[in-house]
Amino acid sequence: MSKKNSVFDGLLGDNTVLSSLMVISPIIVCGDTVMNGIALVYAFSVITFLSVLIGSFVPKKLPYAVKIIIYALISSAVFIPTKMAAEEFFPDIIPRIGVYFMLVAVNSLITVRAEAFFYRMKRGRMIISLFFYILGFDVVMLTISLIREILAYSTVCGRVMDADILISGMAMPFGGFIILGVMCGIYRKFLSVFGSDDTRGDGGDENVSDS
């Protein structure tokens, strides 16, 4: 495992979702099919990476409140072309996701972690670390979406499986809570066996969730 504050922490040691419980609402509500998951991964990855990267050029001497407003304006500006492109690539998916597509524009990596964590790094290290934090969310999003689609609809990417598996409740938000809870338990057990507190970054104990 990596040492404390490693740029790889966001993937496992300090996973955005499993460790800090950030950005869980889209996963719980919308992550019931792989295609939904892919659309949200696209939105989260593009908006978060570009917003945090552009925001790193905002002068650090500005008052905190002013910087937060600027970060919000940046993420809003990035959101517009990202949403337009998504409507071309996922025309049937975006209406289903609805407001949760917009919520990723104000996710915790932008509004909380950027100022308190990423912007304290040198830009090159920040970019690598940010990539793995985003990847950590993406992996969890797609894994939960795949499991829920199989259990709820007996399909994968809309294709019917030749398997007698159907738990319709998995398509509901409480189904997302159940799968996420199981994954969190497995994740924490893994860290307790193979890792230590030193494998988590500074943000591992924030316990901040998006609603």
Protein backbone atom coordinates (compact mmCIF):
# COMPACT_ATOMS: atom_id res chain seq x y z
CA MET A 1 0.00 0.00 0.00
CA SER A 2 1.08 3.60 -0.51
CA LYS A 3 2.39 5.89 2.16
CA LYS A 4 0.44 8.77 3.67
CA ASN A 5 -0.46 11.57 1.25
CA SER A 6 0.43 9.47 -1.78
CA VAL A 7 -1.01 10.72 -5.07
CA PHE A 8 -2.66 7.28 -5.42
CA ASP A 9 -4.70 7.60 -2.21
CA GLY A 10 -7.90 8.63 -3.99
CA LEU A 11 -8.24 5.25 -5.68
CA LEU A 12 -8.12 3.06 -2.58
CA GLY A 13 -6.59 4.47 0.61
CA ASP A 14 -8.89 7.51 0.71
CA ASN A 15 -11.58 6.60 -1.81
CA THR A 16 -13.94 9.50 -2.54
CA VAL A 17 -17.06 7.43 -1.88
CA LEU A 18 -16.07 4.49 0.33
CA SER A 19 -13.84 6.40 2.73
CA SER A 20 -15.30 9.92 2.89
CA LEU A 21 -18.89 9.17 1.78
CA MET A 22 -18.71 11.99 -0.76
CA VAL A 23 -20.91 12.21 -3.86
CA ILE A 24 -23.14 9.33 -2.81
CA SER A 25 -26.50 10.74 -3.94
CA PRO A 26 -26.05 10.11 -7.70
CA ILE A 27 -24.82 6.59 -6.97
CA ILE A 28 -27.73 5.71 -4.70
CA VAL A 29 -30.49 7.29 -6.77
CA CYS A 30 -29.31 6.92 -10.38
CA GLY A 31 -26.72 4.16 -10.33
CA ASP A 32 -29.10 1.33 -11.17
CA THR A 33 -27.85 0.64 -14.71
CA VAL A 34 -24.42 0.63 -16.32
CA MET A 35 -25.46 3.24 -18.88
CA ASN A 36 -26.60 5.59 -16.11
CA GLY A 37 -23.29 4.96 -14.41
CA ILE A 38 -21.30 5.73 -17.56
CA ALA A 39 -23.18 9.00 -18.08
CA LEU A 40 -22.53 10.06 -14.48
CA VAL A 41 -18.89 9.00 -14.66
CA TYR A 42 -18.50 11.16 -17.76
CA ALA A 43 -20.15 14.15 -16.09
CA PHE A 44 -18.29 13.78 -12.79
CA SER A 45 -14.89 13.19 -14.38
CA VAL A 46 -15.00 16.04 -16.90
CA ILE A 47 -16.60 18.65 -14.65
CA THR A 48 -14.47 17.85 -11.61
CA PHE A 49 -11.14 17.65 -13.44
CA LEU A 50 -11.60 20.84 -15.47
CA SER A 51 -13.17 22.81 -12.60
CA VAL A 52 -10.43 21.96 -10.11
CA LEU A 53 -7.67 22.49 -12.68
CA ILE A 54 -8.98 25.89 -13.79
CA GLY A 55 -9.70 26.86 -10.18
CA SER A 56 -6.06 26.23 -9.26
CA PHE A 57 -5.16 29.41 -11.16
CA VAL A 58 -7.39 31.57 -8.93
CA PRO A 59 -5.14 33.81 -6.75
CA LYS A 60 -4.76 32.25 -3.31
CA LYS A 61 -4.69 35.66 -1.60
CA LEU A 62 -8.34 36.34 -2.37
CA PRO A 63 -10.81 36.03 0.54
CA TYR A 64 -12.12 32.50 1.04
CA ALA A 65 -15.74 33.47 0.32
CA VAL A 66 -14.74 35.13 -2.95
CA LYS A 67 -12.77 32.08 -4.05
CA ILE A 68 -15.70 29.75 -3.34
CA ILE A 69 -17.94 31.95 -5.51
CA ILE A 70 -15.36 31.89 -8.29
CA TYR A 71 -15.06 28.08 -8.05
CA ALA A 72 -18.83 27.79 -8.34
CA LEU A 73 -18.85 30.03 -11.42
CA ILE A 74 -16.06 27.97 -12.99
CA SER A 75 -17.88 24.68 -12.42
CA SER A 76 -21.08 26.21 -13.81
CA ALA A 77 -19.24 27.33 -16.93
CA VAL A 78 -17.73 23.86 -17.36
CA PHE A 79 -21.11 22.22 -16.75
CA ILE A 80 -22.83 23.88 -19.74
CA PRO A 81 -20.75 22.38 -22.59
CA THR A 82 -20.44 19.09 -20.68
CA LYS A 83 -24.24 18.83 -20.47
CA MET A 84 -24.63 19.71 -24.15
CA ALA A 85 -22.17 16.98 -25.14
CA ALA A 86 -23.88 14.49 -22.82
CA GLU A 87 -27.22 15.13 -24.49
CA GLU A 88 -25.61 14.08 -27.78
CA PHE A 89 -23.94 10.95 -26.42
CA PHE A 90 -26.65 9.90 -23.93
CA PRO A 91 -29.94 11.34 -25.26
CA ASP A 92 -32.10 8.77 -23.48
CA ILE A 93 -30.13 8.71 -20.24
CA ILE A 94 -29.83 12.39 -19.29
CA PRO A 95 -33.60 12.90 -18.71
CA ARG A 96 -33.57 9.92 -16.33
CA ILE A 97 -30.67 11.31 -14.35
CA GLY A 98 -32.28 14.74 -14.15
CA VAL A 99 -31.08 17.03 -11.37
CA TYR A 100 -28.36 14.60 -10.28
CA PHE A 101 -26.39 15.45 -13.40
CA MET A 102 -26.34 19.05 -12.19
CA LEU A 103 -25.34 18.06 -8.67
CA VAL A 104 -21.99 16.74 -9.86
CA ALA A 105 -21.11 20.32 -10.79
CA VAL A 106 -21.07 21.18 -7.09
CA ASN A 107 -19.64 17.92 -5.76
CA SER A 108 -17.42 17.82 -2.68
CA LEU A 109 -14.14 17.45 -4.56
CA ILE A 110 -14.81 20.91 -6.02
CA THR A 111 -16.51 22.67 -3.11
CA VAL A 112 -14.64 21.12 -0.16
CA ARG A 113 -11.57 19.10 -1.08
CA ALA A 114 -10.13 21.48 -3.69
CA GLU A 115 -9.46 24.42 -1.38
CA ALA A 116 -8.56 22.34 1.67
CA PHE A 117 -6.47 19.68 -0.06
CA PHE A 118 -5.68 19.88 -3.78
CA TYR A 119 -4.70 23.55 -3.90
CA ARG A 120 -2.07 23.00 -1.22
CA MET A 121 -0.10 20.80 -3.63
CA LYS A 122 2.16 21.71 -6.49
CA ARG A 123 0.12 21.70 -9.68
CA GLY A 124 1.73 18.61 -11.23
CA ARG A 125 1.20 16.53 -8.10
CA MET A 126 -2.31 17.95 -7.75
CA ILE A 127 -3.27 16.80 -11.26
CA ILE A 128 -2.10 13.24 -10.61
CA SER A 129 -3.79 13.10 -7.21
CA LEU A 130 -7.01 14.55 -8.62
CA PHE A 131 -7.02 11.94 -11.39
CA PHE A 132 -6.93 9.09 -8.86
CA TYR A 133 -9.62 10.67 -6.66
CA ILE A 134 -11.86 10.91 -9.73
CA LEU A 135 -10.95 7.35 -10.73
CA GLY A 136 -11.90 6.18 -7.24
CA PHE A 137 -15.41 7.56 -7.71
CA ASP A 138 -15.67 6.16 -11.24
CA VAL A 139 -14.77 2.61 -10.18
CA VAL A 140 -17.32 2.60 -7.35
CA MET A 141 -20.01 4.17 -9.56
CA LEU A 142 -19.62 1.57 -12.32
CA THR A 143 -19.29 -1.37 -9.93
CA ILE A 144 -22.47 -0.52 -8.03
CA SER A 145 -24.33 0.26 -11.26
CA LEU A 146 -23.36 -3.13 -12.72
CA ILE A 147 -24.35 -5.06 -9.60
CA ARG A 148 -27.69 -3.26 -9.28
CA GLU A 149 -28.57 -3.69 -12.97
CA ILE A 150 -27.90 -7.42 -12.80
CA LEU A 151 -29.91 -7.86 -9.61
CA ALA A 152 -32.76 -5.49 -10.48
CA TYR A 153 -33.27 -6.14 -14.18
CA SER A 154 -31.20 -9.25 -15.04
CA THR A 155 -29.51 -7.20 -17.75
CA VAL A 156 -26.08 -5.73 -18.50
CA CYS A 157 -26.09 -2.53 -20.55
CA GLY A 158 -29.70 -3.30 -21.43
CA ARG A 159 -28.96 -6.79 -22.74
CA VAL A 160 -30.96 -9.54 -21.06
CA MET A 161 -28.87 -12.12 -19.22
CA ASP A 162 -29.61 -15.83 -19.33
CA ALA A 163 -29.88 -15.97 -15.54
CA ASP A 164 -32.75 -16.28 -13.10
CA ILE A 165 -31.81 -13.24 -11.00
CA LEU A 166 -34.34 -10.56 -10.17
CA ILE A 167 -34.52 -8.41 -7.04
CA SER A 168 -36.61 -5.46 -8.18
CA GLY A 169 -35.93 -3.50 -4.98
CA MET A 170 -32.33 -3.05 -6.10
CA ALA A 171 -33.56 -0.47 -8.59
CA MET A 172 -34.84 1.71 -5.73
CA PRO A 173 -32.64 4.10 -3.71
CA PHE A 174 -32.65 1.77 -0.70
CA GLY A 175 -31.12 -0.87 -2.96
CA GLY A 176 -28.30 1.57 -3.67
CA PHE A 177 -27.86 2.13 0.07
CA ILE A 178 -27.61 -1.62 0.65
CA ILE A 179 -24.99 -2.23 -2.05
CA LEU A 180 -23.01 0.85 -1.02
CA GLY A 181 -23.09 -0.24 2.61
CA VAL A 182 -21.80 -3.71 1.72
CA MET A 183 -19.01 -2.21 -0.39
CA CYS A 184 -18.05 0.19 2.43
CA GLY A 185 -17.87 -2.74 4.83
CA ILE A 186 -15.66 -4.74 2.46
CA TYR A 187 -13.49 -1.69 1.82
CA ARG A 188 -12.93 -0.97 5.51
CA LYS A 189 -12.21 -4.63 6.22
CA PHE A 190 -9.66 -4.63 3.41
CA LEU A 191 -7.93 -1.57 4.87
CA SER A 192 -7.94 -3.03 8.37
CA VAL A 193 -6.26 -6.21 7.12
CA PHE A 194 -3.89 -4.90 4.46
CA GLY A 195 -3.49 -1.23 5.34
CA SER A 196 -3.29 1.18 8.21
CA ASP A 197 -4.22 4.74 9.07
CA ASP A 198 -1.11 5.85 7.17
CA THR A 199 -2.63 4.62 3.91
CA ARG A 200 -5.30 7.32 4.01
CA GLY A 201 -4.73 10.90 2.97
CA ASP A 202 -5.57 13.98 5.02
CA GLY A 203 -9.17 13.91 3.82
CA GLY A 204 -9.93 10.37 4.96
CA ASP A 205 -11.74 11.43 8.13
CA GLU A 206 -13.81 14.26 6.74
CA ASN A 207 -16.96 12.14 6.41
CA VAL A 208 -18.61 14.66 4.12
CA SER A 209 -21.49 13.56 1.89
CA ASP A 210 -23.24 15.24 -1.01
CA SER A 211 -27.00 15.36 -0.98
